[in-house]
Amino acid sequence: MNFSTTLLLILAFIAANLPFLVERIFFVAKPKVGSKHFAWRLLELLVLFFIVGGIGLLLEGKLGDIHQQNWEFYAVNAALFVVFAYPGFVYRYLWRRRGA
């Protein structure tokens, strides 16, 4: 159980930062303009949140019964996912690059 939790947290951290590190829309299509718009990054973040949640549900099902959760559980998980995305956001939008 401990390995599954650690694996899920690492996967969530990586998935939360991917939209800010990859310039392709959904990792496939190049944007028509120079860089990907912020709205695309938010949509990718939302989709990846649900994908990681589905993987978490599968891992929980492998360990035993799946417990019913209320809205508070999902709100906390969404907040944690946004916190995990903060390093990618800082790298993309707040980090000052030399010569820029």
C-alpha atoms as a PDB file:
ATOM      1  CA  MET A   1       0.000   0.000   0.000  1.00  0.00           C
ATOM      2  CA  ASN A   2       2.848   2.401   0.804  1.00  0.00           C
ATOM      3  CA  PHE A   3       4.433   1.827  -2.619  1.00  0.00           C
ATOM      4  CA  SER A   4       1.136   2.566  -4.384  1.00  0.00           C
ATOM      5  CA  THR A   5       0.704   5.822  -2.491  1.00  0.00           C
ATOM      6  CA  THR A   6       4.243   6.952  -3.240  1.00  0.00           C
ATOM      7  CA  LEU A   7       3.892   5.997  -6.896  1.00  0.00           C
ATOM      8  CA  LEU A   8       0.623   7.912  -7.180  1.00  0.00           C
ATOM      9  CA  LEU A   9       2.072  11.044  -5.557  1.00  0.00           C
ATOM     10  CA  ILE A  10       5.107  11.006  -7.874  1.00  0.00           C
ATOM     11  CA  LEU A  11       2.861  10.437 -10.890  1.00  0.00           C
ATOM     12  CA  ALA A  12       0.602  13.311  -9.807  1.00  0.00           C
ATOM     13  CA  PHE A  13       3.579  15.656  -9.399  1.00  0.00           C
ATOM     14  CA  ILE A  14       4.919  14.821 -12.859  1.00  0.00           C
ATOM     15  CA  ALA A  15       1.479  15.029 -14.490  1.00  0.00           C
ATOM     16  CA  ALA A  16       0.721  18.381 -12.851  1.00  0.00           C
ATOM     17  CA  ASN A  17       3.909  19.926 -14.256  1.00  0.00           C
ATOM     18  CA  LEU A  18       3.701  18.499 -17.783  1.00  0.00           C
ATOM     19  CA  PRO A  19       1.324  21.144 -19.198  1.00  0.00           C
ATOM     20  CA  PHE A  20       3.804  23.863 -18.272  1.00  0.00           C
ATOM     21  CA  LEU A  21       6.876  22.065 -19.564  1.00  0.00           C
ATOM     22  CA  VAL A  22       5.628  20.743 -22.926  1.00  0.00           C
ATOM     23  CA  GLU A  23       4.761  23.192 -25.730  1.00  0.00           C
ATOM     24  CA  ARG A  24       2.557  20.820 -27.736  1.00  0.00           C
ATOM     25  CA  ILE A  25      -1.217  20.821 -27.202  1.00  0.00           C
ATOM     26  CA  PHE A  26      -2.094  17.548 -25.464  1.00  0.00           C
ATOM     27  CA  PHE A  27       1.482  16.480 -26.223  1.00  0.00           C
ATOM     28  CA  VAL A  28       0.653  15.964 -29.922  1.00  0.00           C
ATOM     29  CA  ALA A  29      -0.242  19.095 -31.905  1.00  0.00           C
ATOM     30  CA  LYS A  30       1.936  22.157 -32.270  1.00  0.00           C
ATOM     31  CA  PRO A  31       0.087  25.423 -31.594  1.00  0.00           C
ATOM     32  CA  LYS A  32      -0.581  27.613 -34.630  1.00  0.00           C
ATOM     33  CA  VAL A  33       0.924  30.622 -32.870  1.00  0.00           C
ATOM     34  CA  GLY A  34       4.355  30.746 -31.234  1.00  0.00           C
ATOM     35  CA  SER A  35       3.461  29.223 -27.867  1.00  0.00           C
ATOM     36  CA  LYS A  36       0.582  27.434 -26.204  1.00  0.00           C
ATOM     37  CA  HIS A  37      -2.087  29.676 -24.676  1.00  0.00           C
ATOM     38  CA  PHE A  38      -2.672  29.525 -20.909  1.00  0.00           C
ATOM     39  CA  ALA A  39      -6.211  28.173 -21.418  1.00  0.00           C
ATOM     40  CA  TRP A  40      -4.756  25.086 -23.143  1.00  0.00           C
ATOM     41  CA  ARG A  41      -2.472  24.532 -20.172  1.00  0.00           C
ATOM     42  CA  LEU A  42      -5.420  24.716 -17.753  1.00  0.00           C
ATOM     43  CA  LEU A  43      -7.457  22.281 -19.859  1.00  0.00           C
ATOM     44  CA  GLU A  44      -4.527  19.859 -19.965  1.00  0.00           C
ATOM     45  CA  LEU A  45      -4.142  20.218 -16.191  1.00  0.00           C
ATOM     46  CA  LEU A  46      -7.816  19.361 -15.694  1.00  0.00           C
ATOM     47  CA  VAL A  47      -7.650  16.328 -18.007  1.00  0.00           C
ATOM     48  CA  LEU A  48      -4.482  15.067 -16.323  1.00  0.00           C
ATOM     49  CA  PHE A  49      -6.149  15.517 -12.917  1.00  0.00           C
ATOM     50  CA  PHE A  50      -8.911  13.130 -13.971  1.00  0.00           C
ATOM     51  CA  ILE A  51      -6.437  10.675 -15.502  1.00  0.00           C
ATOM     52  CA  VAL A  52      -4.369  10.546 -12.310  1.00  0.00           C
ATOM     53  CA  GLY A  53      -7.602  10.211 -10.316  1.00  0.00           C
ATOM     54  CA  GLY A  54      -8.597   7.249 -12.476  1.00  0.00           C
ATOM     55  CA  ILE A  55      -5.210   5.627 -11.921  1.00  0.00           C
ATOM     56  CA  GLY A  56      -5.655   6.193  -8.180  1.00  0.00           C
ATOM     57  CA  LEU A  57      -9.069   4.550  -8.366  1.00  0.00           C
ATOM     58  CA  LEU A  58      -7.565   1.540 -10.153  1.00  0.00           C
ATOM     59  CA  LEU A  59      -4.802   1.228  -7.552  1.00  0.00           C
ATOM     60  CA  GLU A  60      -7.355   1.433  -4.733  1.00  0.00           C
ATOM     61  CA  GLY A  61      -9.436  -1.252  -6.420  1.00  0.00           C
ATOM     62  CA  LYS A  62      -6.412  -3.551  -6.578  1.00  0.00           C
ATOM     63  CA  LEU A  63      -5.827  -3.149  -2.832  1.00  0.00           C
ATOM     64  CA  GLY A  64      -9.415  -3.783  -1.735  1.00  0.00           C
ATOM     65  CA  ASP A  65     -12.827  -2.176  -1.752  1.00  0.00           C
ATOM     66  CA  ILE A  66     -13.213   1.293  -3.253  1.00  0.00           C
ATOM     67  CA  HIS A  67     -14.498   3.725  -0.632  1.00  0.00           C
ATOM     68  CA  GLN A  68     -17.146   6.303  -1.441  1.00  0.00           C
ATOM     69  CA  GLN A  69     -15.866   9.862  -1.122  1.00  0.00           C
ATOM     70  CA  ASN A  70     -17.673  13.157  -0.637  1.00  0.00           C
ATOM     71  CA  TRP A  71     -16.962  16.406  -2.436  1.00  0.00           C
ATOM     72  CA  GLU A  72     -14.414  17.467   0.205  1.00  0.00           C
ATOM     73  CA  PHE A  73     -12.077  14.655  -0.832  1.00  0.00           C
ATOM     74  CA  TYR A  74     -12.092  15.789  -4.453  1.00  0.00           C
ATOM     75  CA  ALA A  75     -11.677  19.456  -3.510  1.00  0.00           C
ATOM     76  CA  VAL A  76      -8.590  18.638  -1.441  1.00  0.00           C
ATOM     77  CA  ASN A  77      -7.174  16.499  -4.250  1.00  0.00           C
ATOM     78  CA  ALA A  78      -7.736  19.268  -6.794  1.00  0.00           C
ATOM     79  CA  ALA A  79      -5.998  21.756  -4.501  1.00  0.00           C
ATOM     80  CA  LEU A  80      -3.085  19.361  -4.023  1.00  0.00           C
ATOM     81  CA  PHE A  81      -2.815  18.897  -7.797  1.00  0.00           C
ATOM     82  CA  VAL A  82      -2.683  22.679  -8.297  1.00  0.00           C
ATOM     83  CA  VAL A  83       0.009  22.951  -5.600  1.00  0.00           C
ATOM     84  CA  PHE A  84       1.983  20.222  -7.373  1.00  0.00           C
ATOM     85  CA  ALA A  85       1.727  22.271 -10.601  1.00  0.00           C
ATOM     86  CA  TYR A  86       3.285  25.345  -8.995  1.00  0.00           C
ATOM     87  CA  PRO A  87       6.938  24.561  -9.907  1.00  0.00           C
ATOM     88  CA  GLY A  88       6.003  24.208 -13.583  1.00  0.00           C
ATOM     89  CA  PHE A  89       4.007  27.440 -13.462  1.00  0.00           C
ATOM     90  CA  VAL A  90       6.918  29.289 -11.871  1.00  0.00           C
ATOM     91  CA  TYR A  91       9.319  27.910 -14.466  1.00  0.00           C
ATOM     92  CA  ARG A  92       7.045  28.897 -17.365  1.00  0.00           C
ATOM     93  CA  TYR A  93       5.749  32.304 -16.285  1.00  0.00           C
ATOM     94  CA  LEU A  94       7.687  33.727 -13.332  1.00  0.00           C
ATOM     95  CA  TRP A  95      11.292  32.628 -13.803  1.00  0.00           C
ATOM     96  CA  ARG A  96      13.429  35.396 -15.269  1.00  0.00           C
ATOM     97  CA  ARG A  97      15.583  34.118 -18.100  1.00  0.00           C
ATOM     98  CA  ARG A  98      18.822  35.825 -19.034  1.00  0.00           C
ATOM     99  CA  GLY A  99      18.618  37.884 -22.184  1.00  0.00           C
ATOM    100  CA  ALA A 100      14.818  37.960 -22.150  1.00  0.00           C
END
